[in-house]
């Protein structure tokens, strides 16, 4: 994937140097930052395809940096963390990260995550003018926006990718690994916590009552199913 731009954000100079050398040797254009504050400034001024972002940094934490970047940018973000607790991983995804890799990481695993993330085509590139309307819910895939009873909810790139996959495979029981590989890439499959976090986030944004979902339904021990009545997809003019 030559010419893709990656920003490495970590307070450890040695790790930044190693990652920069390794990724540059593979044809990526690499920049680095030693703090979240610096990274946010660079994202304002330059365009990156992916950010490798350390969770544990002095000053502005990696999680807060991720949240602030996500407010203004759809850039892909992979969090680097030494933590092993599931809750910490969930917090990274909650902050808007597309994935995470635990330190000390295997180089091949990191490269697989990077390639899988960069391979993902944004939904807006192929969603055209598709709008989904269901009982008080309206989802505009091109604009990555949902309205529930008129209230606007902004969807993150990963949320819209996941929702688009559900909508294009309606009323079918979809296994966890099938969803993961379709949305995150072929190198994924066992990261069920990814789905749990993003499904919970989507339910909070699109379900009238997230505790009793009507649209994104759980298939016990298998995965999820999107309940979609017939003739719910319309174009922007409302024609069918």
Protein backbone atom coordinates (compact mmCIF):
# COMPACT_ATOMS: atom_id res chain seq x y z
CA UNK A 1 0.00 0.00 0.00
CA UNK A 2 2.51 2.63 -1.13
CA UNK A 3 2.02 6.32 -0.43
CA UNK A 4 -0.46 5.76 2.39
CA UNK A 5 0.23 8.26 5.17
CA UNK A 6 0.56 7.02 8.75
CA UNK A 7 0.98 9.10 11.91
CA UNK A 8 2.68 7.34 14.86
CA UNK A 9 1.82 8.93 18.23
CA UNK A 10 3.81 7.64 21.22
CA UNK A 11 5.86 9.26 23.99
CA UNK A 12 8.60 6.59 23.66
CA UNK A 13 11.22 7.87 21.17
CA UNK A 14 12.65 4.41 20.54
CA UNK A 15 9.30 2.91 19.60
CA UNK A 16 8.49 5.84 17.31
CA UNK A 17 11.86 5.36 15.59
CA UNK A 18 11.34 1.61 15.15
CA UNK A 19 7.83 2.00 13.77
CA UNK A 20 8.84 4.83 11.49
CA UNK A 21 11.75 2.84 10.04
CA UNK A 22 9.71 -0.34 9.62
CA UNK A 23 6.70 1.32 8.01
CA UNK A 24 8.82 3.55 5.77
CA UNK A 25 10.65 0.47 4.52
CA UNK A 26 7.29 -0.97 3.49
CA UNK A 27 6.47 2.08 1.39
CA UNK A 28 4.32 4.07 3.81
CA UNK A 29 4.82 7.80 4.30
CA UNK A 30 5.30 8.12 8.06
CA UNK A 31 5.20 11.07 10.47
CA UNK A 32 5.40 10.89 14.24
CA UNK A 33 4.36 12.86 17.31
CA UNK A 34 5.45 12.57 20.94
CA UNK A 35 2.19 13.78 22.48
CA UNK A 36 -1.53 13.95 21.92
CA UNK A 37 -1.42 17.72 21.72
CA UNK A 38 1.11 17.59 18.88
CA UNK A 39 -0.87 14.90 17.09
CA UNK A 40 -4.07 16.95 17.15
CA UNK A 41 -2.22 19.89 15.63
CA UNK A 42 -0.79 17.70 12.88
CA UNK A 43 -4.20 16.23 12.06
CA UNK A 44 -5.54 19.76 11.66
CA UNK A 45 -2.78 20.63 9.18
CA UNK A 46 -2.20 17.37 7.30
CA UNK A 47 -4.16 14.45 5.91
CA UNK A 48 -3.37 10.96 7.21
CA UNK A 49 -4.84 7.60 6.24
CA UNK A 50 -4.18 5.96 9.61
CA UNK A 51 -3.00 6.87 13.11
CA UNK A 52 -1.18 4.51 15.48
CA UNK A 53 -1.99 6.02 18.86
CA UNK A 54 -0.56 5.02 22.24
CA UNK A 55 -3.12 4.85 25.06
CA UNK A 56 -0.73 5.66 27.91
CA UNK A 57 0.83 9.08 27.37
CA UNK A 58 1.57 11.91 29.80
CA UNK A 59 -0.49 15.06 29.39
CA UNK A 60 -3.37 14.44 27.01
CA UNK A 61 -4.10 10.72 27.19
CA UNK A 62 -4.42 8.54 24.14
CA UNK A 63 -8.13 8.01 24.80
CA UNK A 64 -8.82 11.73 25.02
CA UNK A 65 -6.66 12.36 21.97
CA UNK A 66 -8.68 9.77 20.08
CA UNK A 67 -11.96 11.41 21.08
CA UNK A 68 -10.77 14.85 20.03
CA UNK A 69 -9.44 13.60 16.68
CA UNK A 70 -12.65 11.71 16.04
CA UNK A 71 -14.68 14.89 16.52
CA UNK A 72 -13.08 16.43 13.44
CA UNK A 73 -11.71 13.55 11.37
CA UNK A 74 -12.70 10.16 9.95
CA UNK A 75 -9.09 8.97 9.84
CA UNK A 76 -8.59 5.34 10.84
CA UNK A 77 -7.16 4.93 14.35
CA UNK A 78 -5.47 1.88 15.88
CA UNK A 79 -4.70 2.16 19.59
CA UNK A 80 -1.47 0.76 21.05
CA UNK A 81 -1.81 -0.31 24.67
CA UNK A 82 0.14 -2.28 27.29
CA UNK A 83 -3.07 -2.97 29.14
CA UNK A 84 -4.65 -6.39 29.00
CA UNK A 85 -8.01 -5.83 30.65
CA UNK A 86 -11.04 -6.14 28.39
CA UNK A 87 -12.47 -2.94 29.85
CA UNK A 88 -9.46 -0.95 28.65
CA UNK A 89 -9.87 -2.34 25.15
CA UNK A 90 -13.56 -1.46 25.23
CA UNK A 91 -12.68 2.09 26.30
CA UNK A 92 -10.38 2.40 23.28
CA UNK A 93 -13.17 1.36 20.93
CA UNK A 94 -15.63 3.56 22.81
CA UNK A 95 -13.34 6.54 22.22
CA UNK A 96 -13.67 6.00 18.48
CA UNK A 97 -10.73 3.73 17.66
CA UNK A 98 -11.13 1.28 14.79
CA UNK A 99 -9.08 -1.35 16.63
CA UNK A 100 -6.22 -1.93 19.03
CA UNK A 101 -2.99 -3.88 19.38
CA UNK A 102 -1.56 -4.80 22.77
CA UNK A 103 2.10 -4.09 23.60
CA UNK A 104 4.48 -5.77 23.31
CA UNK A 105 2.98 -6.51 19.93
CA UNK A 106 3.96 -8.96 17.25
CA UNK A 107 5.10 -7.02 14.18
CA UNK A 108 3.16 -9.30 11.84
CA UNK A 109 -0.01 -8.79 13.88
CA UNK A 110 0.41 -5.02 13.77
CA UNK A 111 1.00 -5.04 10.02
CA UNK A 112 -2.05 -7.27 9.52
CA UNK A 113 -4.18 -4.81 11.51
CA UNK A 114 -2.82 -1.86 9.52
CA UNK A 115 -3.44 -3.54 6.16
CA UNK A 116 -6.92 -4.70 7.15
CA UNK A 117 -7.87 -1.21 8.33
CA UNK A 118 -6.53 0.51 5.22
CA UNK A 119 -8.28 -1.98 2.93
CA UNK A 120 -11.68 -0.98 4.25
CA UNK A 121 -13.49 1.16 1.71
CA UNK A 122 -15.54 3.96 3.23
CA UNK A 123 -19.26 3.37 2.95
CA UNK A 124 -19.76 6.88 1.59
CA UNK A 125 -17.81 5.84 -1.52
CA UNK A 126 -20.42 3.28 -2.55
CA UNK A 127 -23.56 4.16 -0.57
CA UNK A 128 -24.62 6.72 -3.19
CA UNK A 129 -27.82 8.43 -2.00
CA UNK A 130 -29.22 5.54 -0.03
CA UNK A 131 -31.43 6.55 2.87
CA UNK A 132 -33.06 4.11 5.24
CA UNK A 133 -36.38 5.04 6.83
CA UNK A 134 -38.02 2.98 9.55
CA UNK A 135 -40.65 4.02 12.11
CA UNK A 136 -39.07 7.22 13.42
CA UNK A 137 -35.56 6.27 12.26
CA UNK A 138 -33.82 7.80 9.25
CA UNK A 139 -30.25 6.90 8.28
CA UNK A 140 -28.34 8.75 5.58
CA UNK A 141 -25.38 6.56 4.68
CA UNK A 142 -23.66 9.13 2.48
CA UNK A 143 -23.69 11.77 5.21
CA UNK A 144 -23.12 9.22 8.03
CA UNK A 145 -26.02 10.64 9.96
CA UNK A 146 -29.00 9.16 11.76
CA UNK A 147 -32.19 10.82 12.97
CA UNK A 148 -34.36 9.27 15.64
CA UNK A 149 -37.69 11.08 15.97
CA UNK A 150 -35.99 14.13 14.48
CA UNK A 151 -32.97 14.12 16.80
CA UNK A 152 -29.65 13.94 14.95
CA UNK A 153 -26.95 11.41 15.85
CA UNK A 154 -23.57 11.44 14.12
CA UNK A 155 -22.19 7.99 13.26
CA UNK A 156 -18.48 7.17 13.28
CA UNK A 157 -16.91 5.56 10.18
CA UNK A 158 -16.86 2.12 11.80
CA UNK A 159 -20.43 2.47 13.04
CA UNK A 160 -21.67 3.37 9.57
CA UNK A 161 -19.68 0.50 8.01
CA UNK A 162 -21.21 -1.95 10.47
CA UNK A 163 -24.72 -0.55 10.05
CA UNK A 164 -24.39 -0.62 6.26
CA UNK A 165 -23.43 -4.29 6.42
CA UNK A 166 -26.44 -5.07 8.62
CA UNK A 167 -28.81 -3.18 6.31
CA UNK A 168 -27.49 -4.91 3.18
CA UNK A 169 -27.91 -8.32 4.85
CA UNK A 170 -31.33 -7.89 6.49
CA UNK A 171 -33.34 -10.43 8.45
CA UNK A 172 -30.49 -12.94 8.46
CA UNK A 173 -28.66 -14.42 11.44
CA UNK A 174 -25.09 -13.19 10.92
CA UNK A 175 -22.28 -14.97 12.83
CA UNK A 176 -19.76 -12.88 14.76
CA UNK A 177 -16.81 -13.92 12.61
CA UNK A 178 -18.66 -13.22 9.36
CA UNK A 179 -19.47 -9.68 10.47
CA UNK A 180 -15.94 -9.03 11.71
CA UNK A 181 -14.33 -10.20 8.49
CA UNK A 182 -16.79 -8.26 6.35
CA UNK A 183 -16.44 -4.98 8.26
CA UNK A 184 -12.93 -5.08 9.75
CA UNK A 185 -11.23 -7.34 7.20
CA UNK A 186 -10.16 -10.96 6.62
CA UNK A 187 -7.53 -10.84 9.37
CA UNK A 188 -10.27 -10.52 12.00
CA UNK A 189 -12.67 -13.11 13.36
CA UNK A 190 -12.25 -13.66 17.09
CA UNK A 191 -12.56 -10.09 18.35
CA UNK A 192 -16.15 -10.44 19.57
CA UNK A 193 -15.69 -7.51 21.97
CA UNK A 194 -15.36 -5.24 18.91
CA UNK A 195 -18.89 -6.14 17.92
CA UNK A 196 -20.30 -5.84 21.42
CA UNK A 197 -18.95 -2.32 21.77
CA UNK A 198 -20.08 -1.12 18.37
CA UNK A 199 -23.48 -2.79 18.53
CA UNK A 200 -24.06 -1.17 21.93
CA UNK A 201 -23.00 2.19 20.49
CA UNK A 202 -25.31 1.81 17.50
CA UNK A 203 -28.22 0.78 19.68
CA UNK A 204 -27.75 3.91 21.81
CA UNK A 205 -27.85 6.03 18.66
CA UNK A 206 -30.58 4.42 16.55
CA UNK A 207 -32.85 2.44 18.86
CA UNK A 208 -35.81 4.22 20.51
CA UNK A 209 -35.13 2.05 23.58
CA UNK A 210 -31.57 0.61 23.49
CA UNK A 211 -32.37 -1.79 26.34
CA UNK A 212 -35.12 -3.33 24.19
CA UNK A 213 -33.76 -3.14 20.63
CA UNK A 214 -36.14 -3.34 17.70
CA UNK A 215 -33.65 -3.23 14.85
CA UNK A 216 -30.31 -4.78 15.88
CA UNK A 217 -31.25 -8.06 17.49
CA UNK A 218 -28.95 -10.51 19.27
CA UNK A 219 -28.82 -14.09 18.01
CA UNK A 220 -27.69 -15.99 21.15
CA UNK A 221 -24.38 -17.82 20.76
CA UNK A 222 -24.17 -16.82 17.11
CA UNK A 223 -24.17 -13.10 16.33
CA UNK A 224 -26.72 -10.48 15.30
CA UNK A 225 -29.67 -9.93 12.98
CA UNK A 226 -30.96 -6.64 11.58
CA UNK A 227 -34.76 -6.61 11.50
CA UNK A 228 -35.72 -4.74 8.35
CA UNK A 229 -39.28 -4.61 7.01
CA UNK A 230 -39.70 -4.73 3.25
CA UNK A 231 -39.52 -1.50 1.24
CA UNK A 232 -37.66 0.50 3.87
CA UNK A 233 -34.84 1.76 1.69
CA UNK A 234 -35.50 4.94 -0.26
CA UNK A 235 -33.48 7.47 -2.19
CA UNK A 236 -33.16 11.06 -1.02
CA UNK A 237 -36.26 12.16 -2.91
CA UNK A 238 -38.36 9.54 -1.13
CA UNK A 239 -39.11 7.50 -4.25
CA UNK A 240 -39.02 3.72 -4.04
